[in-house]
N, C-alpha and C. Protein backbone atom coordinates (compact mmCIF):
# COMPACT_ATOMS: atom_id res chain seq x y z
N MET A 1 -38.14 11.37 -43.58
CA MET A 1 -36.90 11.21 -42.86
C MET A 1 -36.94 9.88 -42.12
N ALA A 2 -36.03 9.04 -42.46
CA ALA A 2 -35.98 7.71 -41.85
C ALA A 2 -35.30 7.79 -40.49
N THR A 3 -35.86 7.05 -39.57
CA THR A 3 -35.23 6.99 -38.26
C THR A 3 -34.42 5.70 -38.17
N THR A 4 -33.31 5.81 -37.56
CA THR A 4 -32.50 4.61 -37.36
C THR A 4 -32.54 4.26 -35.89
N GLU A 5 -32.81 3.02 -35.64
CA GLU A 5 -32.84 2.55 -34.26
C GLU A 5 -31.43 2.22 -33.82
N GLU A 6 -31.16 2.57 -32.60
CA GLU A 6 -29.88 2.19 -32.01
C GLU A 6 -29.89 0.68 -31.81
N PRO A 7 -28.77 0.04 -32.09
CA PRO A 7 -28.74 -1.40 -31.82
C PRO A 7 -28.90 -1.65 -30.32
N GLU A 8 -29.62 -2.70 -30.02
CA GLU A 8 -29.83 -3.04 -28.61
C GLU A 8 -28.53 -3.54 -28.01
N VAL A 9 -28.18 -2.95 -26.88
CA VAL A 9 -26.95 -3.34 -26.19
C VAL A 9 -27.25 -4.52 -25.27
N ASP A 10 -26.42 -5.53 -25.35
CA ASP A 10 -26.56 -6.70 -24.48
C ASP A 10 -25.69 -6.49 -23.26
N PHE A 11 -26.31 -6.12 -22.16
CA PHE A 11 -25.58 -5.92 -20.92
C PHE A 11 -25.38 -7.23 -20.16
N GLY A 12 -25.70 -8.34 -20.76
CA GLY A 12 -25.45 -9.63 -20.14
C GLY A 12 -26.51 -10.02 -19.13
N LEU A 13 -26.08 -10.78 -18.16
CA LEU A 13 -27.00 -11.34 -17.18
C LEU A 13 -27.46 -10.31 -16.15
N PHE A 14 -26.73 -9.22 -15.98
CA PHE A 14 -27.04 -8.29 -14.90
C PHE A 14 -27.30 -6.87 -15.41
N GLY A 15 -26.32 -6.15 -15.83
CA GLY A 15 -26.50 -4.81 -16.35
C GLY A 15 -26.06 -3.74 -15.37
N PRO A 16 -25.93 -2.51 -15.89
CA PRO A 16 -25.36 -1.42 -15.10
C PRO A 16 -26.15 -1.03 -13.85
N GLY A 17 -27.41 -1.33 -13.78
CA GLY A 17 -28.20 -1.00 -12.59
C GLY A 17 -28.17 -2.07 -11.51
N SER A 18 -27.46 -3.14 -11.75
CA SER A 18 -27.49 -4.27 -10.81
C SER A 18 -26.52 -4.07 -9.64
N VAL A 19 -26.83 -4.75 -8.55
CA VAL A 19 -25.93 -4.76 -7.40
C VAL A 19 -24.63 -5.47 -7.79
N ALA A 20 -24.72 -6.50 -8.62
CA ALA A 20 -23.53 -7.23 -9.06
C ALA A 20 -22.53 -6.29 -9.73
N TRP A 21 -23.01 -5.42 -10.62
CA TRP A 21 -22.11 -4.46 -11.27
C TRP A 21 -21.54 -3.49 -10.24
N GLN A 22 -22.36 -3.05 -9.31
CA GLN A 22 -21.90 -2.12 -8.28
C GLN A 22 -20.75 -2.74 -7.49
N LEU A 23 -20.91 -3.98 -7.06
CA LEU A 23 -19.87 -4.64 -6.27
C LEU A 23 -18.62 -4.92 -7.10
N HIS A 24 -18.80 -5.54 -8.23
CA HIS A 24 -17.66 -6.09 -8.97
C HIS A 24 -16.85 -5.06 -9.73
N LYS A 25 -17.26 -3.81 -9.72
CA LYS A 25 -16.42 -2.77 -10.33
C LYS A 25 -15.28 -2.38 -9.39
N GLU A 26 -15.32 -2.82 -8.15
CA GLU A 26 -14.32 -2.46 -7.15
C GLU A 26 -13.15 -3.43 -7.17
N PRO A 27 -11.91 -2.94 -7.34
CA PRO A 27 -10.74 -3.82 -7.35
C PRO A 27 -10.54 -4.59 -6.04
N GLY A 28 -11.03 -4.04 -4.93
CA GLY A 28 -10.88 -4.70 -3.64
C GLY A 28 -11.57 -6.04 -3.56
N LEU A 29 -12.45 -6.33 -4.52
CA LEU A 29 -13.12 -7.63 -4.49
C LEU A 29 -12.18 -8.79 -4.77
N LEU A 30 -10.99 -8.50 -5.28
CA LEU A 30 -10.00 -9.58 -5.44
C LEU A 30 -9.71 -10.23 -4.09
N ILE A 31 -9.74 -9.44 -3.02
CA ILE A 31 -9.55 -9.98 -1.67
C ILE A 31 -10.68 -10.97 -1.37
N GLY A 32 -11.88 -10.63 -1.78
CA GLY A 32 -13.01 -11.54 -1.59
C GLY A 32 -12.82 -12.85 -2.33
N GLY A 33 -12.25 -12.78 -3.54
CA GLY A 33 -11.99 -14.00 -4.30
C GLY A 33 -10.99 -14.90 -3.59
N LEU A 34 -9.94 -14.29 -3.03
CA LEU A 34 -8.96 -15.08 -2.28
C LEU A 34 -9.59 -15.70 -1.04
N ARG A 35 -10.43 -14.92 -0.33
CA ARG A 35 -11.12 -15.45 0.85
C ARG A 35 -11.99 -16.64 0.46
N ALA A 36 -12.72 -16.50 -0.66
CA ALA A 36 -13.61 -17.57 -1.10
C ALA A 36 -12.82 -18.85 -1.39
N LEU A 37 -11.67 -18.71 -2.05
CA LEU A 37 -10.86 -19.91 -2.34
C LEU A 37 -10.42 -20.60 -1.05
N MET A 38 -10.06 -19.80 -0.04
CA MET A 38 -9.65 -20.41 1.24
C MET A 38 -10.82 -21.12 1.91
N LEU A 39 -12.00 -20.49 1.87
CA LEU A 39 -13.19 -21.14 2.45
C LEU A 39 -13.56 -22.41 1.68
N GLN A 40 -13.49 -22.35 0.37
CA GLN A 40 -13.82 -23.51 -0.44
C GLN A 40 -12.93 -24.70 -0.09
N ALA A 41 -11.67 -24.41 0.23
CA ALA A 41 -10.73 -25.47 0.58
C ALA A 41 -11.05 -26.13 1.92
N LEU A 42 -11.93 -25.52 2.71
CA LEU A 42 -12.31 -26.12 3.98
C LEU A 42 -13.32 -27.26 3.83
N HIS A 43 -13.96 -27.35 2.68
CA HIS A 43 -14.90 -28.44 2.44
C HIS A 43 -14.09 -29.66 2.01
N PRO A 44 -14.15 -30.75 2.77
CA PRO A 44 -13.27 -31.89 2.47
C PRO A 44 -13.44 -32.47 1.07
N LEU A 45 -14.65 -32.52 0.55
CA LEU A 45 -14.84 -33.09 -0.78
C LEU A 45 -14.43 -32.11 -1.88
N ALA A 46 -14.62 -30.82 -1.62
CA ALA A 46 -14.19 -29.82 -2.60
C ALA A 46 -12.68 -29.84 -2.74
N ILE A 47 -11.98 -29.83 -1.61
CA ILE A 47 -10.52 -29.83 -1.67
C ILE A 47 -10.00 -31.17 -2.19
N ALA A 48 -10.69 -32.26 -1.92
CA ALA A 48 -10.27 -33.56 -2.45
C ALA A 48 -10.31 -33.54 -3.98
N ALA A 49 -11.38 -33.01 -4.53
CA ALA A 49 -11.51 -32.94 -5.99
C ALA A 49 -10.42 -32.05 -6.59
N VAL A 50 -10.18 -30.91 -5.96
CA VAL A 50 -9.14 -30.01 -6.45
C VAL A 50 -7.77 -30.68 -6.34
N GLU A 51 -7.50 -31.29 -5.21
CA GLU A 51 -6.20 -31.92 -4.98
C GLU A 51 -5.94 -33.06 -5.97
N GLN A 52 -6.96 -33.84 -6.25
CA GLN A 52 -6.79 -35.00 -7.12
C GLN A 52 -6.84 -34.68 -8.61
N HIS A 53 -7.52 -33.61 -8.99
CA HIS A 53 -7.82 -33.42 -10.40
C HIS A 53 -7.36 -32.08 -10.98
N SER A 54 -6.57 -31.32 -10.24
CA SER A 54 -6.10 -30.06 -10.82
C SER A 54 -4.61 -29.90 -10.56
N ASP A 55 -4.04 -28.93 -11.21
CA ASP A 55 -2.62 -28.65 -11.09
C ASP A 55 -2.42 -27.40 -10.24
N TYR A 56 -3.28 -27.25 -9.23
CA TYR A 56 -3.26 -26.01 -8.44
C TYR A 56 -1.93 -25.79 -7.74
N ARG A 57 -1.23 -26.83 -7.36
CA ARG A 57 0.06 -26.65 -6.66
C ARG A 57 1.09 -25.96 -7.55
N ASN A 58 1.05 -26.26 -8.83
CA ASN A 58 2.00 -25.66 -9.77
C ASN A 58 1.43 -24.45 -10.49
N ASP A 59 0.14 -24.20 -10.34
CA ASP A 59 -0.50 -23.13 -11.09
C ASP A 59 -1.55 -22.42 -10.24
N VAL A 60 -1.18 -22.01 -9.04
CA VAL A 60 -2.12 -21.35 -8.13
C VAL A 60 -2.72 -20.11 -8.78
N TRP A 61 -1.86 -19.26 -9.35
CA TRP A 61 -2.35 -18.01 -9.92
C TRP A 61 -3.13 -18.25 -11.20
N GLY A 62 -2.79 -19.28 -11.95
CA GLY A 62 -3.57 -19.61 -13.14
C GLY A 62 -5.00 -19.99 -12.75
N ARG A 63 -5.11 -20.80 -11.70
CA ARG A 63 -6.45 -21.19 -11.22
C ARG A 63 -7.22 -19.97 -10.73
N PHE A 64 -6.55 -19.11 -9.98
CA PHE A 64 -7.19 -17.88 -9.49
C PHE A 64 -7.62 -17.01 -10.67
N ASN A 65 -6.76 -16.87 -11.67
CA ASN A 65 -7.09 -16.04 -12.83
C ASN A 65 -8.27 -16.62 -13.62
N ARG A 66 -8.32 -17.94 -13.76
CA ARG A 66 -9.45 -18.54 -14.48
C ARG A 66 -10.76 -18.32 -13.72
N THR A 67 -10.71 -18.45 -12.40
CA THR A 67 -11.91 -18.19 -11.59
C THR A 67 -12.30 -16.72 -11.70
N SER A 68 -11.31 -15.82 -11.63
CA SER A 68 -11.60 -14.38 -11.74
C SER A 68 -12.20 -14.05 -13.10
N ASN A 69 -11.66 -14.65 -14.16
CA ASN A 69 -12.19 -14.43 -15.50
C ASN A 69 -13.63 -14.92 -15.60
N TYR A 70 -13.91 -16.08 -15.00
CA TYR A 70 -15.28 -16.61 -15.01
C TYR A 70 -16.23 -15.62 -14.32
N VAL A 71 -15.84 -15.15 -13.14
CA VAL A 71 -16.70 -14.23 -12.39
C VAL A 71 -16.91 -12.94 -13.18
N MET A 72 -15.84 -12.36 -13.68
CA MET A 72 -15.95 -11.08 -14.40
C MET A 72 -16.76 -11.23 -15.69
N THR A 73 -16.59 -12.35 -16.38
CA THR A 73 -17.35 -12.55 -17.62
C THR A 73 -18.83 -12.77 -17.32
N THR A 74 -19.15 -13.53 -16.28
CA THR A 74 -20.57 -13.74 -15.98
C THR A 74 -21.22 -12.46 -15.46
N ILE A 75 -20.44 -11.58 -14.83
CA ILE A 75 -21.01 -10.32 -14.33
C ILE A 75 -21.09 -9.28 -15.45
N PHE A 76 -20.00 -9.06 -16.19
CA PHE A 76 -19.91 -7.94 -17.13
C PHE A 76 -19.99 -8.34 -18.60
N GLY A 77 -19.87 -9.63 -18.91
CA GLY A 77 -19.89 -10.05 -20.31
C GLY A 77 -21.28 -10.06 -20.90
N SER A 78 -21.34 -10.29 -22.18
CA SER A 78 -22.64 -10.40 -22.85
C SER A 78 -23.33 -11.68 -22.36
N THR A 79 -24.61 -11.79 -22.66
CA THR A 79 -25.35 -12.98 -22.28
C THR A 79 -24.71 -14.22 -22.89
N GLU A 80 -24.35 -14.15 -24.17
CA GLU A 80 -23.75 -15.31 -24.84
C GLU A 80 -22.38 -15.65 -24.24
N GLU A 81 -21.58 -14.64 -23.93
CA GLU A 81 -20.27 -14.90 -23.32
C GLU A 81 -20.44 -15.60 -21.97
N ALA A 82 -21.37 -15.12 -21.17
CA ALA A 82 -21.61 -15.72 -19.85
C ALA A 82 -22.11 -17.15 -19.98
N HIS A 83 -23.08 -17.37 -20.87
CA HIS A 83 -23.62 -18.72 -21.05
C HIS A 83 -22.56 -19.66 -21.63
N SER A 84 -21.76 -19.16 -22.57
CA SER A 84 -20.71 -19.98 -23.18
C SER A 84 -19.68 -20.41 -22.13
N LEU A 85 -19.28 -19.48 -21.28
CA LEU A 85 -18.32 -19.82 -20.23
C LEU A 85 -18.93 -20.77 -19.21
N GLY A 86 -20.21 -20.61 -18.93
CA GLY A 86 -20.90 -21.55 -18.03
C GLY A 86 -20.94 -22.95 -18.61
N ARG A 87 -21.24 -23.05 -19.91
CA ARG A 87 -21.25 -24.37 -20.57
C ARG A 87 -19.85 -24.99 -20.54
N ARG A 88 -18.85 -24.17 -20.79
CA ARG A 88 -17.46 -24.66 -20.77
C ARG A 88 -17.10 -25.17 -19.37
N GLY A 89 -17.45 -24.41 -18.36
CA GLY A 89 -17.15 -24.82 -16.98
C GLY A 89 -17.84 -26.12 -16.61
N ARG A 90 -19.12 -26.25 -17.00
CA ARG A 90 -19.85 -27.49 -16.71
C ARG A 90 -19.22 -28.67 -17.44
N ALA A 91 -18.80 -28.46 -18.69
CA ALA A 91 -18.18 -29.55 -19.46
C ALA A 91 -16.84 -29.97 -18.84
N ILE A 92 -16.08 -29.02 -18.34
CA ILE A 92 -14.80 -29.34 -17.70
C ILE A 92 -15.02 -30.11 -16.41
N HIS A 93 -16.02 -29.71 -15.63
CA HIS A 93 -16.24 -30.32 -14.32
C HIS A 93 -17.00 -31.65 -14.37
N LYS A 94 -17.82 -31.86 -15.39
CA LYS A 94 -18.68 -33.05 -15.44
C LYS A 94 -17.93 -34.38 -15.28
N PRO A 95 -16.80 -34.59 -15.96
CA PRO A 95 -16.14 -35.90 -15.84
C PRO A 95 -15.27 -36.07 -14.60
N ILE A 96 -15.18 -35.04 -13.77
CA ILE A 96 -14.27 -35.11 -12.63
C ILE A 96 -14.97 -35.77 -11.45
N HIS A 97 -14.56 -37.01 -11.18
CA HIS A 97 -15.10 -37.80 -10.08
C HIS A 97 -13.94 -38.51 -9.41
N GLY A 98 -14.06 -38.75 -8.13
CA GLY A 98 -13.01 -39.46 -7.41
C GLY A 98 -13.49 -39.90 -6.04
N ILE A 99 -12.56 -40.38 -5.27
CA ILE A 99 -12.82 -40.79 -3.88
C ILE A 99 -11.87 -39.99 -3.00
N ASP A 100 -12.42 -39.32 -2.02
CA ASP A 100 -11.60 -38.57 -1.07
C ASP A 100 -10.76 -39.56 -0.28
N ARG A 101 -9.46 -39.38 -0.32
CA ARG A 101 -8.54 -40.31 0.35
C ARG A 101 -8.63 -40.23 1.87
N VAL A 102 -9.15 -39.13 2.39
CA VAL A 102 -9.24 -38.96 3.84
C VAL A 102 -10.54 -39.56 4.37
N THR A 103 -11.67 -39.19 3.75
CA THR A 103 -12.97 -39.64 4.27
C THR A 103 -13.48 -40.90 3.60
N GLY A 104 -12.95 -41.23 2.42
CA GLY A 104 -13.44 -42.37 1.67
C GLY A 104 -14.74 -42.08 0.92
N LEU A 105 -15.19 -40.85 0.99
CA LEU A 105 -16.44 -40.47 0.33
C LEU A 105 -16.19 -40.12 -1.14
N PRO A 106 -17.20 -40.36 -1.98
CA PRO A 106 -17.04 -39.98 -3.39
C PRO A 106 -17.13 -38.45 -3.54
N ASP A 107 -16.34 -37.93 -4.48
CA ASP A 107 -16.44 -36.52 -4.79
C ASP A 107 -16.69 -36.37 -6.29
N ALA A 108 -17.41 -35.33 -6.63
CA ALA A 108 -17.70 -35.03 -8.03
C ALA A 108 -17.72 -33.52 -8.19
N ALA A 109 -16.98 -33.02 -9.17
CA ALA A 109 -16.88 -31.59 -9.37
C ALA A 109 -18.21 -30.96 -9.79
N ASP A 110 -19.13 -31.78 -10.27
CA ASP A 110 -20.44 -31.23 -10.66
C ASP A 110 -21.53 -31.55 -9.63
N ASP A 111 -21.14 -31.94 -8.43
CA ASP A 111 -22.09 -32.21 -7.35
C ASP A 111 -22.81 -30.92 -6.99
N PRO A 112 -24.14 -30.89 -7.06
CA PRO A 112 -24.88 -29.65 -6.77
C PRO A 112 -24.56 -29.07 -5.39
N ALA A 113 -24.34 -29.90 -4.39
CA ALA A 113 -24.03 -29.39 -3.05
C ALA A 113 -22.67 -28.70 -3.04
N LEU A 114 -21.70 -29.27 -3.74
CA LEU A 114 -20.37 -28.64 -3.80
C LEU A 114 -20.42 -27.36 -4.62
N LEU A 115 -21.20 -27.36 -5.70
CA LEU A 115 -21.35 -26.13 -6.49
C LEU A 115 -22.02 -25.03 -5.68
N LEU A 116 -23.01 -25.40 -4.88
CA LEU A 116 -23.67 -24.43 -4.01
C LEU A 116 -22.69 -23.87 -2.99
N TRP A 117 -21.87 -24.74 -2.39
CA TRP A 117 -20.85 -24.31 -1.44
C TRP A 117 -19.90 -23.30 -2.11
N THR A 118 -19.44 -23.64 -3.30
CA THR A 118 -18.51 -22.77 -4.02
C THR A 118 -19.14 -21.42 -4.31
N HIS A 119 -20.36 -21.44 -4.82
CA HIS A 119 -21.04 -20.20 -5.18
C HIS A 119 -21.33 -19.36 -3.92
N THR A 120 -21.75 -20.01 -2.86
CA THR A 120 -22.07 -19.30 -1.62
C THR A 120 -20.84 -18.62 -1.05
N THR A 121 -19.70 -19.32 -1.06
CA THR A 121 -18.48 -18.69 -0.53
C THR A 121 -18.09 -17.48 -1.36
N LEU A 122 -18.29 -17.55 -2.67
CA LEU A 122 -17.99 -16.40 -3.52
C LEU A 122 -18.90 -15.22 -3.21
N VAL A 123 -20.20 -15.46 -3.18
CA VAL A 123 -21.16 -14.38 -2.94
C VAL A 123 -20.90 -13.71 -1.60
N GLU A 124 -20.75 -14.52 -0.55
CA GLU A 124 -20.51 -13.94 0.78
C GLU A 124 -19.18 -13.20 0.83
N SER A 125 -18.14 -13.79 0.27
CA SER A 125 -16.81 -13.18 0.32
C SER A 125 -16.76 -11.87 -0.45
N PHE A 126 -17.43 -11.82 -1.58
CA PHE A 126 -17.46 -10.57 -2.35
C PHE A 126 -18.18 -9.48 -1.57
N ALA A 127 -19.30 -9.82 -0.96
CA ALA A 127 -20.06 -8.82 -0.19
C ALA A 127 -19.24 -8.32 1.00
N LEU A 128 -18.54 -9.21 1.69
CA LEU A 128 -17.72 -8.80 2.83
C LEU A 128 -16.53 -7.95 2.39
N ALA A 129 -15.89 -8.33 1.29
CA ALA A 129 -14.76 -7.55 0.79
C ALA A 129 -15.20 -6.17 0.37
N TYR A 130 -16.36 -6.09 -0.26
CA TYR A 130 -16.89 -4.79 -0.68
C TYR A 130 -17.09 -3.90 0.55
N GLY A 131 -17.69 -4.46 1.59
CA GLY A 131 -17.94 -3.70 2.81
C GLY A 131 -16.66 -3.25 3.48
N ALA A 132 -15.58 -4.00 3.30
CA ALA A 132 -14.30 -3.63 3.91
C ALA A 132 -13.56 -2.58 3.09
N CYS A 133 -13.84 -2.48 1.81
CA CYS A 133 -13.10 -1.58 0.92
C CYS A 133 -13.81 -0.27 0.62
N VAL A 134 -15.10 -0.29 0.61
CA VAL A 134 -15.89 0.91 0.33
C VAL A 134 -17.04 0.93 1.33
N PRO A 135 -17.78 2.02 1.41
CA PRO A 135 -18.91 2.01 2.34
C PRO A 135 -19.80 0.79 2.10
N ALA A 136 -20.18 0.18 3.18
CA ALA A 136 -20.99 -1.05 3.10
C ALA A 136 -22.26 -0.83 2.30
N LEU A 137 -22.73 -1.91 1.71
CA LEU A 137 -24.00 -1.87 0.99
C LEU A 137 -25.13 -1.58 1.96
N SER A 138 -26.14 -0.92 1.46
CA SER A 138 -27.32 -0.72 2.28
C SER A 138 -28.00 -2.07 2.49
N THR A 139 -28.85 -2.15 3.48
CA THR A 139 -29.57 -3.40 3.75
C THR A 139 -30.39 -3.84 2.54
N PRO A 140 -31.12 -2.94 1.86
CA PRO A 140 -31.86 -3.39 0.67
C PRO A 140 -30.95 -3.89 -0.45
N ALA A 141 -29.79 -3.26 -0.64
CA ALA A 141 -28.87 -3.72 -1.68
C ALA A 141 -28.29 -5.07 -1.32
N THR A 142 -27.93 -5.25 -0.07
CA THR A 142 -27.41 -6.55 0.38
C THR A 142 -28.48 -7.62 0.18
N ALA A 143 -29.71 -7.31 0.55
CA ALA A 143 -30.80 -8.26 0.39
C ALA A 143 -31.06 -8.58 -1.08
N ALA A 144 -30.83 -7.62 -1.97
CA ALA A 144 -31.06 -7.83 -3.40
C ALA A 144 -29.93 -8.62 -4.06
N HIS A 145 -28.73 -8.52 -3.51
CA HIS A 145 -27.57 -9.13 -4.17
C HIS A 145 -27.66 -10.65 -4.26
N THR A 146 -27.96 -11.33 -3.19
CA THR A 146 -27.96 -12.79 -3.21
C THR A 146 -28.95 -13.36 -4.22
N PRO A 147 -30.22 -12.95 -4.21
CA PRO A 147 -31.12 -13.52 -5.22
C PRO A 147 -30.74 -13.10 -6.64
N GLU A 148 -30.14 -11.93 -6.78
CA GLU A 148 -29.73 -11.46 -8.11
C GLU A 148 -28.70 -12.41 -8.73
N VAL A 149 -27.71 -12.83 -7.95
CA VAL A 149 -26.66 -13.69 -8.49
C VAL A 149 -26.98 -15.17 -8.35
N ALA A 150 -28.09 -15.50 -7.71
CA ALA A 150 -28.45 -16.91 -7.52
C ALA A 150 -29.40 -17.42 -8.58
N ARG A 151 -29.88 -16.56 -9.44
CA ARG A 151 -30.83 -17.02 -10.45
C ARG A 151 -30.16 -17.96 -11.43
N PRO A 152 -30.93 -18.88 -12.00
CA PRO A 152 -30.34 -19.87 -12.92
C PRO A 152 -29.85 -19.24 -14.22
């Protein structure tokens, strides 16, 4: 009697046991995404790059939807889907460079410090939104979440 192996399921970068899956299954996290966008706009170089190089004024919800799709795909998509979207995002951001008209400082959409700012606002905002919508994460889960989503 031949045994057939079940095909291996690719749960992507995280998987059903992860804190990321626990948080991001909640619809209330959309509030966290909106909070993150507002915080991101407080960084003068981040908002300068967005203001100079995107159509956010005419397509606010399109930008929000693309960011939401990126987050959901990296959390719930297959490994290849997540990596493919990451490569696409890096390719889109790499050529975006400018000078902030207010500070005179150079801005670059692929600046590691700006990317860290963006990622940090998302992680914090999602955790806060989760705590506001459902019972807060336990201390160990909160402690596990940041390194879980910060890995390369």
